[in-house]
Amino acid sequence: MKKRVIALWALVVWVGAGAQDVLHPAALTASGPVATSAVALHADAQGLPPVASAAERAAQSQQLLARRQQLETAYNQEMTVCYQKFDVTSCRLEARERRLQAHAALRKDEIAFNTVERRLKAEEAERRLAETNALARVREQTRQTYAADNAKAAADRAVQKQADHAAQGQQREAYEQKQREAAQRRADLEKKLRERDKPPAASLPARGASQ
């Protein structure tokens, strides 16, 4: 039982050390996604480092969960062993100290990982917001363009309607004028015909002839 507890503590310490080894960017490729720590994603002196892929971050999350489970398992098993010893108190204190040290290292990596995750989520939220705003601007521009086109088309139709109405009025006036002129010509013609067909007036007798 004691050998198994020691082996578990060695595994916890080894995993934690492996996570610290990936602080250098070169270790990210050499160790693979499972051994990649979230600390490797933190900003270096020159700025933000390359962000791990979604698959790599998922592997990191699983690794952190596995380390925490291993830590608790090792601690519980070591406490069980301590109760079988004569100096239970010292054994438990030593086990708790080892647990605190392992937990501190694990917590450091968890905080680093969660910090990167929050940053990525914030960036994703900003990206989606920017896309939403851009789409809203495009829609608003399209709406304004459509409204302007409709207004122009309505104005053009109104102008054309007025022009058509004026043209129709002019045509109607011209038609009525022609009708009046035609009627006048007919009246003049009829008058001439009546005057031509009218018999001449009888001449008066000479004055000398009546005596």
N, C-alpha and C. Protein backbone atom coordinates (compact mmCIF):
# COMPACT_ATOMS: atom_id res chain seq x y z
N MET A 1 0.84 -1.21 0.00
CA MET A 1 0.00 0.00 0.00
C MET A 1 0.86 1.25 0.00
N LYS A 2 1.90 1.24 0.82
CA LYS A 2 2.79 2.40 0.90
C LYS A 2 3.49 2.64 -0.42
N LYS A 3 3.92 1.55 -1.09
CA LYS A 3 4.59 1.69 -2.39
C LYS A 3 3.63 2.30 -3.42
N ARG A 4 2.38 1.91 -3.34
CA ARG A 4 1.40 2.44 -4.30
C ARG A 4 1.19 3.93 -4.07
N VAL A 5 1.14 4.35 -2.80
CA VAL A 5 0.98 5.77 -2.50
C VAL A 5 2.17 6.56 -2.99
N ILE A 6 3.36 6.03 -2.75
CA ILE A 6 4.57 6.72 -3.22
C ILE A 6 4.56 6.84 -4.74
N ALA A 7 4.10 5.78 -5.41
CA ALA A 7 4.05 5.81 -6.88
C ALA A 7 3.06 6.87 -7.36
N LEU A 8 1.93 7.00 -6.67
CA LEU A 8 0.95 8.01 -7.06
C LEU A 8 1.49 9.41 -6.85
N TRP A 9 2.17 9.63 -5.71
CA TRP A 9 2.75 10.95 -5.48
C TRP A 9 3.83 11.26 -6.51
N ALA A 10 4.58 10.23 -6.89
CA ALA A 10 5.61 10.44 -7.91
C ALA A 10 4.97 10.82 -9.24
N LEU A 11 3.81 10.20 -9.54
CA LEU A 11 3.11 10.52 -10.78
C LEU A 11 2.59 11.95 -10.76
N VAL A 12 2.04 12.36 -9.61
CA VAL A 12 1.54 13.73 -9.49
C VAL A 12 2.67 14.72 -9.67
N VAL A 13 3.78 14.47 -8.99
CA VAL A 13 4.93 15.37 -9.09
C VAL A 13 5.48 15.39 -10.50
N TRP A 14 5.52 14.20 -11.16
CA TRP A 14 6.07 14.13 -12.52
C TRP A 14 5.19 14.89 -13.50
N VAL A 15 3.86 14.74 -13.36
CA VAL A 15 2.95 15.46 -14.25
C VAL A 15 3.09 16.95 -14.05
N GLY A 16 3.19 17.38 -12.79
CA GLY A 16 3.36 18.80 -12.52
C GLY A 16 4.66 19.32 -13.09
N ALA A 17 5.72 18.53 -12.96
CA ALA A 17 7.01 18.96 -13.51
C ALA A 17 6.95 19.00 -15.02
N GLY A 18 6.24 18.04 -15.60
CA GLY A 18 6.10 18.05 -17.06
C GLY A 18 5.37 19.27 -17.53
N ALA A 19 4.38 19.70 -16.75
CA ALA A 19 3.65 20.91 -17.12
C ALA A 19 4.54 22.13 -17.05
N GLN A 20 5.44 22.18 -16.07
CA GLN A 20 6.35 23.32 -15.96
C GLN A 20 7.38 23.32 -17.07
N ASP A 21 7.74 22.13 -17.57
CA ASP A 21 8.75 22.04 -18.63
C ASP A 21 8.28 22.67 -19.91
N VAL A 22 6.97 22.78 -20.13
CA VAL A 22 6.48 23.30 -21.40
C VAL A 22 6.38 24.81 -21.39
N LEU A 23 6.99 25.44 -20.40
CA LEU A 23 7.01 26.90 -20.40
C LEU A 23 7.71 27.42 -21.63
N HIS A 24 8.69 26.68 -22.13
CA HIS A 24 9.40 27.11 -23.33
C HIS A 24 8.59 26.69 -24.54
N PRO A 25 8.43 27.57 -25.55
CA PRO A 25 7.60 27.24 -26.72
C PRO A 25 8.05 25.98 -27.43
N ALA A 26 9.35 25.67 -27.40
CA ALA A 26 9.82 24.48 -28.11
C ALA A 26 9.26 23.22 -27.51
N ALA A 27 8.98 23.24 -26.20
CA ALA A 27 8.44 22.05 -25.55
C ALA A 27 7.03 21.76 -25.98
N LEU A 28 6.32 22.73 -26.50
CA LEU A 28 4.95 22.52 -26.96
C LEU A 28 4.90 21.49 -28.07
N THR A 29 5.87 21.56 -28.97
CA THR A 29 5.92 20.61 -30.07
C THR A 29 6.52 19.29 -29.63
N ALA A 30 7.53 19.36 -28.78
CA ALA A 30 8.23 18.16 -28.39
C ALA A 30 7.40 17.29 -27.47
N SER A 31 6.60 17.87 -26.57
CA SER A 31 5.88 17.10 -25.58
C SER A 31 4.53 16.63 -26.06
N GLY A 32 3.95 17.25 -27.10
CA GLY A 32 2.64 16.86 -27.58
C GLY A 32 1.56 17.57 -26.82
N PRO A 33 0.31 17.46 -27.27
CA PRO A 33 -0.79 18.22 -26.67
C PRO A 33 -1.10 17.80 -25.25
N VAL A 34 -0.90 16.50 -24.89
CA VAL A 34 -1.26 16.04 -23.56
C VAL A 34 -0.36 16.64 -22.51
N ALA A 35 0.92 16.80 -22.84
CA ALA A 35 1.88 17.33 -21.88
C ALA A 35 1.94 18.84 -21.91
N THR A 36 1.10 19.46 -22.72
CA THR A 36 1.14 20.92 -22.85
C THR A 36 0.46 21.56 -21.67
N SER A 37 1.12 22.54 -21.05
CA SER A 37 0.54 23.25 -19.92
C SER A 37 -0.07 24.55 -20.38
N ALA A 38 -1.06 25.02 -19.64
CA ALA A 38 -1.65 26.32 -19.96
C ALA A 38 -0.67 27.44 -19.76
N VAL A 39 0.35 27.22 -18.94
CA VAL A 39 1.34 28.27 -18.72
C VAL A 39 2.06 28.61 -20.02
N ALA A 40 2.16 27.65 -20.93
CA ALA A 40 2.84 27.90 -22.19
C ALA A 40 2.08 28.89 -23.05
N LEU A 41 0.83 29.12 -22.71
CA LEU A 41 0.02 30.04 -23.49
C LEU A 41 0.10 31.47 -22.97
N HIS A 42 0.77 31.69 -21.86
CA HIS A 42 0.84 33.03 -21.29
C HIS A 42 1.71 33.95 -22.13
N ALA A 43 1.53 35.24 -21.90
CA ALA A 43 2.29 36.24 -22.65
C ALA A 43 3.75 36.19 -22.24
N ASP A 44 4.62 36.30 -23.25
CA ASP A 44 6.05 36.40 -22.97
C ASP A 44 6.43 37.87 -22.93
N ALA A 45 7.72 38.12 -22.86
CA ALA A 45 8.17 39.51 -22.71
C ALA A 45 7.84 40.35 -23.94
N GLN A 46 7.65 39.71 -25.10
CA GLN A 46 7.40 40.44 -26.34
C GLN A 46 5.91 40.56 -26.66
N GLY A 47 5.06 39.92 -25.87
CA GLY A 47 3.63 39.97 -26.16
C GLY A 47 2.99 38.61 -26.00
N LEU A 48 1.81 38.44 -26.59
CA LEU A 48 1.08 37.19 -26.45
C LEU A 48 1.69 36.10 -27.31
N PRO A 49 1.81 34.88 -26.78
CA PRO A 49 2.36 33.77 -27.56
C PRO A 49 1.29 33.17 -28.46
N PRO A 50 1.68 32.27 -29.34
CA PRO A 50 0.68 31.59 -30.17
C PRO A 50 -0.30 30.83 -29.28
N VAL A 51 -1.56 30.87 -29.63
CA VAL A 51 -2.60 30.20 -28.85
C VAL A 51 -2.73 28.77 -29.33
N ALA A 52 -2.83 27.83 -28.36
CA ALA A 52 -2.98 26.43 -28.72
C ALA A 52 -4.31 26.21 -29.42
N SER A 53 -4.37 25.14 -30.18
CA SER A 53 -5.60 24.82 -30.89
C SER A 53 -6.67 24.36 -29.90
N ALA A 54 -7.89 24.24 -30.40
CA ALA A 54 -8.99 23.80 -29.54
C ALA A 54 -8.74 22.39 -29.01
N ALA A 55 -8.18 21.52 -29.87
CA ALA A 55 -7.89 20.16 -29.44
C ALA A 55 -6.81 20.15 -28.36
N GLU A 56 -5.80 20.99 -28.53
CA GLU A 56 -4.73 21.06 -27.54
C GLU A 56 -5.25 21.60 -26.21
N ARG A 57 -6.12 22.61 -26.28
CA ARG A 57 -6.67 23.16 -25.04
C ARG A 57 -7.58 22.15 -24.35
N ALA A 58 -8.30 21.36 -25.12
CA ALA A 58 -9.14 20.32 -24.53
C ALA A 58 -8.27 19.28 -23.83
N ALA A 59 -7.13 18.94 -24.45
CA ALA A 59 -6.20 17.99 -23.83
C ALA A 59 -5.62 18.57 -22.56
N GLN A 60 -5.30 19.87 -22.57
CA GLN A 60 -4.78 20.52 -21.37
C GLN A 60 -5.80 20.48 -20.23
N SER A 61 -7.06 20.74 -20.56
CA SER A 61 -8.11 20.71 -19.55
C SER A 61 -8.25 19.32 -18.94
N GLN A 62 -8.22 18.30 -19.79
CA GLN A 62 -8.30 16.93 -19.30
C GLN A 62 -7.09 16.59 -18.44
N GLN A 63 -5.93 17.09 -18.83
CA GLN A 63 -4.72 16.82 -18.06
C GLN A 63 -4.81 17.44 -16.67
N LEU A 64 -5.32 18.67 -16.60
CA LEU A 64 -5.47 19.32 -15.30
C LEU A 64 -6.46 18.57 -14.41
N LEU A 65 -7.55 18.10 -14.99
CA LEU A 65 -8.51 17.32 -14.22
C LEU A 65 -7.90 16.02 -13.72
N ALA A 66 -7.12 15.37 -14.59
CA ALA A 66 -6.46 14.12 -14.20
C ALA A 66 -5.46 14.36 -13.08
N ARG A 67 -4.72 15.44 -13.16
CA ARG A 67 -3.75 15.76 -12.11
C ARG A 67 -4.45 15.99 -10.77
N ARG A 68 -5.59 16.69 -10.81
CA ARG A 68 -6.31 16.94 -9.55
C ARG A 68 -6.85 15.64 -8.97
N GLN A 69 -7.38 14.77 -9.82
CA GLN A 69 -7.87 13.49 -9.34
C GLN A 69 -6.74 12.65 -8.76
N GLN A 70 -5.60 12.65 -9.45
CA GLN A 70 -4.45 11.90 -8.95
C GLN A 70 -3.95 12.45 -7.62
N LEU A 71 -3.98 13.79 -7.51
CA LEU A 71 -3.54 14.43 -6.26
C LEU A 71 -4.42 13.99 -5.10
N GLU A 72 -5.73 14.04 -5.29
CA GLU A 72 -6.65 13.68 -4.22
C GLU A 72 -6.56 12.19 -3.90
N THR A 73 -6.42 11.37 -4.95
CA THR A 73 -6.30 9.92 -4.73
C THR A 73 -5.05 9.61 -3.92
N ALA A 74 -3.93 10.23 -4.31
CA ALA A 74 -2.67 9.99 -3.59
C ALA A 74 -2.78 10.45 -2.15
N TYR A 75 -3.41 11.59 -1.92
CA TYR A 75 -3.54 12.11 -0.56
C TYR A 75 -4.41 11.20 0.30
N ASN A 76 -5.54 10.78 -0.24
CA ASN A 76 -6.43 9.90 0.52
C ASN A 76 -5.77 8.57 0.85
N GLN A 77 -5.04 8.03 -0.11
CA GLN A 77 -4.37 6.75 0.14
C GLN A 77 -3.24 6.92 1.16
N GLU A 78 -2.54 8.03 1.08
CA GLU A 78 -1.46 8.26 2.04
C GLU A 78 -2.02 8.45 3.45
N MET A 79 -3.17 9.13 3.55
CA MET A 79 -3.79 9.29 4.86
C MET A 79 -4.21 7.93 5.42
N THR A 80 -4.67 7.04 4.56
CA THR A 80 -5.02 5.69 5.00
C THR A 80 -3.81 4.97 5.56
N VAL A 81 -2.68 5.13 4.88
CA VAL A 81 -1.44 4.51 5.36
C VAL A 81 -1.02 5.11 6.69
N CYS A 82 -1.22 6.43 6.84
CA CYS A 82 -0.80 7.10 8.07
C CYS A 82 -1.53 6.53 9.29
N TYR A 83 -2.81 6.20 9.12
CA TYR A 83 -3.57 5.66 10.26
C TYR A 83 -3.06 4.29 10.70
N GLN A 84 -2.26 3.65 9.87
CA GLN A 84 -1.69 2.36 10.21
C GLN A 84 -0.33 2.49 10.88
N LYS A 85 0.18 3.70 10.94
CA LYS A 85 1.50 3.94 11.54
C LYS A 85 1.36 4.32 13.01
N PHE A 86 2.47 4.24 13.70
CA PHE A 86 2.49 4.60 15.12
C PHE A 86 2.37 6.11 15.28
N ASP A 87 3.18 6.86 14.50
CA ASP A 87 3.16 8.32 14.59
C ASP A 87 2.19 8.85 13.52
N VAL A 88 0.92 8.77 13.83
CA VAL A 88 -0.11 9.15 12.87
C VAL A 88 -0.06 10.65 12.57
N THR A 89 0.15 11.44 13.60
CA THR A 89 0.10 12.90 13.43
C THR A 89 1.18 13.40 12.48
N SER A 90 2.41 12.97 12.70
CA SER A 90 3.51 13.41 11.84
C SER A 90 3.29 12.96 10.40
N CYS A 91 2.82 11.73 10.25
CA CYS A 91 2.57 11.21 8.90
C CYS A 91 1.51 12.04 8.19
N ARG A 92 0.45 12.38 8.92
CA ARG A 92 -0.62 13.18 8.31
C ARG A 92 -0.15 14.58 7.97
N LEU A 93 0.66 15.17 8.84
CA LEU A 93 1.19 16.51 8.55
C LEU A 93 2.06 16.51 7.31
N GLU A 94 2.90 15.48 7.20
CA GLU A 94 3.76 15.38 6.02
C GLU A 94 2.92 15.18 4.75
N ALA A 95 1.89 14.36 4.86
CA ALA A 95 1.02 14.13 3.70
C ALA A 95 0.31 15.41 3.29
N ARG A 96 -0.16 16.16 4.28
CA ARG A 96 -0.83 17.42 3.97
C ARG A 96 0.12 18.43 3.34
N GLU A 97 1.35 18.45 3.82
CA GLU A 97 2.33 19.37 3.24
C GLU A 97 2.60 19.03 1.78
N ARG A 98 2.77 17.72 1.52
CA ARG A 98 2.98 17.32 0.12
C ARG A 98 1.76 17.67 -0.74
N ARG A 99 0.58 17.49 -0.16
CA ARG A 99 -0.64 17.82 -0.90
C ARG A 99 -0.70 19.32 -1.17
N LEU A 100 -0.34 20.14 -0.20
CA LEU A 100 -0.37 21.59 -0.39
C LEU A 100 0.60 22.02 -1.49
N GLN A 101 1.80 21.43 -1.50
CA GLN A 101 2.78 21.78 -2.53
C GLN A 101 2.29 21.37 -3.91
N ALA A 102 1.76 20.14 -4.00
CA ALA A 102 1.25 19.67 -5.30
C ALA A 102 0.04 20.51 -5.73
N HIS A 103 -0.80 20.85 -4.77
CA HIS A 103 -1.98 21.65 -5.09
C HIS A 103 -1.59 23.05 -5.56
N ALA A 104 -0.56 23.64 -4.94
CA ALA A 104 -0.11 24.97 -5.34
C ALA A 104 0.38 24.96 -6.78
N ALA A 105 1.18 23.93 -7.13
CA ALA A 105 1.67 23.84 -8.51
C ALA A 105 0.52 23.63 -9.48
N LEU A 106 -0.42 22.76 -9.08
CA LEU A 106 -1.57 22.50 -9.95
C LEU A 106 -2.43 23.75 -10.10
N ARG A 107 -2.64 24.44 -8.98
CA ARG A 107 -3.48 25.64 -9.02
C ARG A 107 -2.87 26.71 -9.91
N LYS A 108 -1.55 26.81 -9.89
CA LYS A 108 -0.87 27.78 -10.75
C LYS A 108 -1.17 27.50 -12.22
N ASP A 109 -1.09 26.22 -12.58
CA ASP A 109 -1.38 25.86 -13.98
C ASP A 109 -2.86 26.05 -14.31
N GLU A 110 -3.74 25.75 -13.34
CA GLU A 110 -5.17 25.94 -13.58
C GLU A 110 -5.51 27.42 -13.79
N ILE A 111 -4.90 28.28 -12.98
CA ILE A 111 -5.14 29.72 -13.12
C ILE A 111 -4.65 30.21 -14.47
N ALA A 112 -3.46 29.74 -14.87
CA ALA A 112 -2.92 30.15 -16.17
C ALA A 112 -3.84 29.68 -17.30
N PHE A 113 -4.28 28.43 -17.21
CA PHE A 113 -5.17 27.88 -18.25
C PHE A 113 -6.49 28.65 -18.30
N ASN A 114 -7.09 28.90 -17.13
CA ASN A 114 -8.36 29.61 -17.08
C ASN A 114 -8.23 31.04 -17.57
N THR A 115 -7.07 31.67 -17.30
CA THR A 115 -6.84 33.03 -17.79
C THR A 115 -6.86 33.08 -19.30
N VAL A 116 -6.18 32.11 -19.91
CA VAL A 116 -6.15 32.04 -21.37
C VAL A 116 -7.54 31.76 -21.92
N GLU A 117 -8.26 30.85 -21.27
CA GLU A 117 -9.62 30.53 -21.73
C GLU A 117 -10.53 31.75 -21.67
N ARG A 118 -10.40 32.52 -20.58
CA ARG A 118 -11.23 33.72 -20.47
C ARG A 118 -10.87 34.73 -21.55
N ARG A 119 -9.57 34.85 -21.83
CA ARG A 119 -9.14 35.79 -22.87
C ARG A 119 -9.68 35.35 -24.23
N LEU A 120 -9.61 34.06 -24.51
CA LEU A 120 -10.10 33.56 -25.79
C LEU A 120 -11.61 33.76 -25.91
N LYS A 121 -12.33 33.51 -24.81
CA LYS A 121 -13.78 33.70 -24.85
C LYS A 121 -14.13 35.17 -25.04
N ALA A 122 -13.35 36.05 -24.38
CA ALA A 122 -13.60 37.49 -24.54
C ALA A 122 -13.32 37.92 -25.98
N GLU A 123 -12.23 37.40 -26.56
CA GLU A 123 -11.91 37.74 -27.95
C GLU A 123 -12.99 37.21 -28.89
N GLU A 124 -13.48 36.00 -28.61
CA GLU A 124 -14.54 35.43 -29.45
C GLU A 124 -15.82 36.26 -29.33
N ALA A 125 -16.12 36.70 -28.10
CA ALA A 125 -17.31 37.54 -27.91
C ALA A 125 -17.15 38.86 -28.66
N GLU A 126 -15.95 39.44 -28.61
CA GLU A 126 -15.70 40.69 -29.33
C GLU A 126 -15.82 40.48 -30.83
N ARG A 127 -15.31 39.34 -31.31
CA ARG A 127 -15.38 39.05 -32.74
C ARG A 127 -16.84 38.90 -33.18
N ARG A 128 -17.62 38.17 -32.39
CA ARG A 128 -19.03 37.99 -32.74
C ARG A 128 -19.78 39.32 -32.68
N LEU A 129 -19.44 40.14 -31.68
CA LEU A 129 -20.09 41.45 -31.58
C LEU A 129 -19.73 42.31 -32.78
N ALA A 130 -18.44 42.26 -33.19
CA ALA A 130 -18.02 43.04 -34.35
C ALA A 130 -18.74 42.56 -35.61
N GLU A 131 -18.89 41.24 -35.75
CA GLU A 131 -19.60 40.71 -36.91
C GLU A 131 -21.08 41.13 -36.87
N THR A 132 -21.67 41.08 -35.68
CA THR A 132 -23.07 41.49 -35.55
C THR A 132 -23.24 42.96 -35.90
N ASN A 133 -22.32 43.80 -35.39
CA ASN A 133 -22.39 45.24 -35.68
C ASN A 133 -22.17 45.50 -37.17
N ALA A 134 -21.20 44.78 -37.76
CA ALA A 134 -20.95 44.97 -39.19
C ALA A 134 -22.16 44.56 -40.01
N LEU A 135 -22.78 43.44 -39.63
CA LEU A 135 -23.98 42.99 -40.34
C LEU A 135 -25.11 44.00 -40.17
N ALA A 136 -25.22 44.56 -38.96
CA ALA A 136 -26.26 45.57 -38.72
C ALA A 136 -26.02 46.81 -39.57
N ARG A 137 -24.73 47.20 -39.69
CA ARG A 137 -24.42 48.36 -40.53
C ARG A 137 -24.75 48.10 -41.99
N VAL A 138 -24.43 46.90 -42.46
CA VAL A 138 -24.75 46.56 -43.85
C VAL A 138 -26.25 46.58 -44.07
N ARG A 139 -26.98 46.01 -43.12
CA ARG A 139 -28.45 46.00 -43.25
C ARG A 139 -29.01 47.42 -43.23
N GLU A 140 -28.45 48.27 -42.36
CA GLU A 140 -28.93 49.64 -42.28
C GLU A 140 -28.62 50.40 -43.56
N GLN A 141 -27.40 50.19 -44.10
CA GLN A 141 -27.05 50.83 -45.36
C GLN A 141 -27.95 50.35 -46.49
N THR A 142 -28.23 49.05 -46.50
CA THR A 142 -29.13 48.50 -47.51
C THR A 142 -30.53 49.09 -47.37
N ARG A 143 -30.99 49.21 -46.12
CA ARG A 143 -32.32 49.78 -45.88
C ARG A 143 -32.38 51.22 -46.35
N GLN A 144 -31.33 51.99 -46.02
CA GLN A 144 -31.30 53.39 -46.42
C GLN A 144 -31.24 53.53 -47.94
N THR A 145 -30.42 52.69 -48.57
CA THR A 145 -30.34 52.72 -50.03
C THR A 145 -31.68 52.36 -50.66
N TYR A 146 -32.32 51.32 -50.12
CA TYR A 146 -33.62 50.90 -50.63
C TYR A 146 -34.65 52.01 -50.44
N ALA A 147 -34.62 52.65 -49.26
CA ALA A 147 -35.57 53.74 -48.99
C ALA A 147 -35.32 54.92 -49.92
N ALA A 148 -34.03 55.25 -50.14
CA ALA A 148 -33.70 56.35 -51.04
C ALA A 148 -34.14 56.04 -52.47
N ASP A 149 -33.91 54.80 -52.90
CA ASP A 149 -34.34 54.41 -54.25
C ASP A 149 -35.86 54.49 -54.38
N ASN A 150 -36.56 54.04 -53.35
CA ASN A 150 -38.02 54.11 -53.38
C ASN A 150 -38.51 55.55 -53.42
N ALA A 151 -37.85 56.41 -52.60
CA ALA A 151 -38.25 57.82 -52.58
C ALA A 151 -38.00 58.47 -53.94
N LYS A 152 -36.86 58.16 -54.55
CA LYS A 152 -36.54 58.72 -55.86
C LYS A 152 -37.54 58.22 -56.91
N ALA A 153 -37.84 56.93 -56.84
CA ALA A 153 -38.80 56.38 -57.80
C ALA A 153 -40.18 57.02 -57.63
N ALA A 154 -40.58 57.23 -56.36
CA ALA A 154 -41.87 57.88 -56.11
C ALA A 154 -41.87 59.32 -56.63
N ALA A 155 -40.75 60.03 -56.41
CA ALA A 155 -40.65 61.41 -56.90
C ALA A 155 -40.69 61.43 -58.43
N ASP A 156 -39.98 60.50 -59.06
CA ASP A 156 -39.99 60.43 -60.52
C ASP A 156 -41.39 60.14 -61.05
N ARG A 157 -42.10 59.25 -60.36
CA ARG A 157 -43.47 58.94 -60.79
C ARG A 157 -44.37 60.16 -60.64
N ALA A 158 -44.17 60.91 -59.54
CA ALA A 158 -44.99 62.11 -59.34
C ALA A 158 -44.72 63.14 -60.42
N VAL A 159 -43.44 63.35 -60.76
CA VAL A 159 -43.08 64.30 -61.82
C VAL A 159 -43.67 63.85 -63.15
N GLN A 160 -43.54 62.55 -63.43
CA GLN A 160 -44.07 62.03 -64.69
C GLN A 160 -45.58 62.16 -64.74
N LYS A 161 -46.23 61.92 -63.59
CA LYS A 161 -47.69 62.05 -63.55
C LYS A 161 -48.11 63.49 -63.82
N GLN A 162 -47.38 64.43 -63.21
CA GLN A 162 -47.69 65.84 -63.46
C GLN A 162 -47.46 66.20 -64.93
N ALA A 163 -46.37 65.68 -65.49
CA ALA A 163 -46.08 65.95 -66.89
C ALA A 163 -47.16 65.36 -67.79
N ASP A 164 -47.56 64.12 -67.47
CA ASP A 164 -48.62 63.48 -68.26
C ASP A 164 -49.93 64.26 -68.13
N HIS A 165 -50.22 64.70 -66.92
CA HIS A 165 -51.46 65.46 -66.70
C HIS A 165 -51.43 66.77 -67.48
N ALA A 166 -50.27 67.45 -67.43
CA ALA A 166 -50.14 68.70 -68.18
C ALA A 166 -50.26 68.46 -69.68
N ALA A 167 -49.62 67.37 -70.14
CA ALA A 167 -49.69 67.06 -71.57
C ALA A 167 -51.12 66.74 -71.98
N GLN A 168 -51.80 65.98 -71.11
CA GLN A 168 -53.19 65.67 -71.42
C GLN A 168 -54.04 66.94 -71.46
N GLY A 169 -53.77 67.87 -70.53
CA GLY A 169 -54.51 69.14 -70.53
C GLY A 169 -54.25 69.93 -71.80
N GLN A 170 -52.97 69.96 -72.21
CA GLN A 170 -52.63 70.68 -73.44
C GLN A 170 -53.28 70.02 -74.65
N GLN A 171 -53.26 68.70 -74.67
CA GLN A 171 -53.88 67.99 -75.78
C GLN A 171 -55.39 68.24 -75.81
N ARG A 172 -56.00 68.22 -74.64
CA ARG A 172 -57.44 68.48 -74.56
C ARG A 172 -57.77 69.90 -75.00
N GLU A 173 -56.97 70.85 -74.56
CA GLU A 173 -57.18 72.25 -74.96
C GLU A 173 -57.01 72.42 -76.46
N ALA A 174 -55.96 71.75 -77.00
CA ALA A 174 -55.74 71.84 -78.45
C ALA A 174 -56.90 71.22 -79.21
N TYR A 175 -57.40 70.08 -78.71
CA TYR A 175 -58.53 69.42 -79.36
C TYR A 175 -59.77 70.31 -79.32
N GLU A 176 -60.03 70.89 -78.15
CA GLU A 176 -61.20 71.76 -78.04
C GLU A 176 -61.06 73.00 -78.93
N GLN A 177 -59.83 73.53 -79.02
CA GLN A 177 -59.60 74.68 -79.90
C GLN A 177 -59.88 74.31 -81.34
N LYS A 178 -59.43 73.14 -81.75
CA LYS A 178 -59.70 72.69 -83.12
C LYS A 178 -61.19 72.52 -83.34
N GLN A 179 -61.88 71.99 -82.35
CA GLN A 179 -63.32 71.83 -82.47
C GLN A 179 -64.02 73.19 -82.64
N ARG A 180 -63.57 74.16 -81.85
CA ARG A 180 -64.16 75.50 -81.96
C ARG A 180 -63.88 76.10 -83.34
N GLU A 181 -62.65 75.95 -83.80
CA GLU A 181 -62.29 76.48 -85.11
C GLU A 181 -63.10 75.79 -86.21
N ALA A 182 -63.27 74.50 -86.09
CA ALA A 182 -64.06 73.77 -87.09
C ALA A 182 -65.51 74.24 -87.07
N ALA A 183 -66.04 74.42 -85.87
CA ALA A 183 -67.42 74.90 -85.76
C ALA A 183 -67.55 76.30 -86.35
N GLN A 184 -66.56 77.13 -86.12
CA GLN A 184 -66.59 78.48 -86.67
C GLN A 184 -66.54 78.44 -88.19
N ARG A 185 -65.71 77.56 -88.73
CA ARG A 185 -65.62 77.45 -90.19
C ARG A 185 -66.94 76.97 -90.77
N ARG A 186 -67.57 76.02 -90.10
CA ARG A 186 -68.86 75.54 -90.58
C ARG A 186 -69.91 76.66 -90.54
N ALA A 187 -69.86 77.42 -89.46
CA ALA A 187 -70.83 78.53 -89.34
C ALA A 187 -70.59 79.57 -90.43
N ASP A 188 -69.33 79.87 -90.69
CA ASP A 188 -69.01 80.84 -91.73
C ASP A 188 -69.47 80.33 -93.10
N LEU A 189 -69.22 79.04 -93.32
CA LEU A 189 -69.60 78.46 -94.60
C LEU A 189 -71.12 78.49 -94.77
N GLU A 190 -71.82 78.10 -93.75
CA GLU A 190 -73.28 78.11 -93.84
C GLU A 190 -73.80 79.54 -94.07
N LYS A 191 -73.18 80.50 -93.44
CA LYS A 191 -73.60 81.89 -93.63
C LYS A 191 -73.40 82.32 -95.08
N LYS A 192 -72.26 81.97 -95.64
CA LYS A 192 -71.98 82.31 -97.03
C LYS A 192 -72.99 81.65 -97.96
N LEU A 193 -73.31 80.38 -97.64
CA LEU A 193 -74.27 79.68 -98.49
C LEU A 193 -75.65 80.33 -98.40
N ARG A 194 -76.04 80.73 -97.24
CA ARG A 194 -77.34 81.37 -97.10
C ARG A 194 -77.36 82.71 -97.84
N GLU A 195 -76.29 83.45 -97.74
CA GLU A 195 -76.24 84.74 -98.42
C GLU A 195 -76.24 84.56 -99.94
N ARG A 196 -75.61 83.51 -100.41
CA ARG A 196 -75.57 83.28 -101.85
C ARG A 196 -76.93 82.86 -102.39
N ASP A 197 -77.63 82.05 -101.64
CA ASP A 197 -78.93 81.56 -102.10
C ASP A 197 -80.06 82.54 -101.83
N LYS A 198 -79.83 83.60 -101.13
CA LYS A 198 -80.88 84.57 -100.80
C LYS A 198 -81.27 85.35 -102.07
N PRO A 199 -82.58 85.43 -102.41
CA PRO A 199 -82.98 86.16 -103.64
C PRO A 199 -82.67 87.64 -103.51
N PRO A 200 -82.39 88.30 -104.63
CA PRO A 200 -82.06 89.73 -104.55
C PRO A 200 -83.32 90.55 -104.25
N ALA A 201 -83.18 91.66 -103.62
CA ALA A 201 -84.32 92.51 -103.24
C ALA A 201 -84.90 93.22 -104.49
N ALA A 202 -86.25 93.40 -104.57
CA ALA A 202 -86.91 94.05 -105.74
C ALA A 202 -86.51 95.51 -105.81
N SER A 203 -86.28 95.98 -107.06
CA SER A 203 -85.85 97.38 -107.23
C SER A 203 -87.06 98.31 -107.15
N LEU A 204 -86.93 99.52 -106.67
CA LEU A 204 -88.02 100.49 -106.56
C LEU A 204 -88.33 101.09 -107.94
N PRO A 205 -89.62 101.43 -108.26
CA PRO A 205 -89.95 102.03 -109.58
C PRO A 205 -89.38 103.45 -109.69
N ALA A 206 -89.12 103.84 -110.91
CA ALA A 206 -88.57 105.19 -111.14
C ALA A 206 -89.62 106.23 -110.79
N ARG A 207 -89.26 107.41 -110.35
CA ARG A 207 -90.17 108.47 -109.89
C ARG A 207 -90.95 109.09 -111.05
N GLY A 208 -90.40 109.26 -112.12
CA GLY A 208 -91.08 109.86 -113.25
C GLY A 208 -92.16 108.93 -113.81
N ALA A 209 -91.98 107.72 -113.76
CA ALA A 209 -92.92 106.77 -114.34
C ALA A 209 -94.22 106.75 -113.57
N SER A 210 -94.22 107.01 -112.33
CA SER A 210 -95.45 106.97 -111.53
C SER A 210 -96.38 108.13 -111.84
N GLN A 211 -95.93 109.23 -112.37
CA GLN A 211 -96.75 110.37 -112.71
C GLN A 211 -97.30 110.14 -114.12
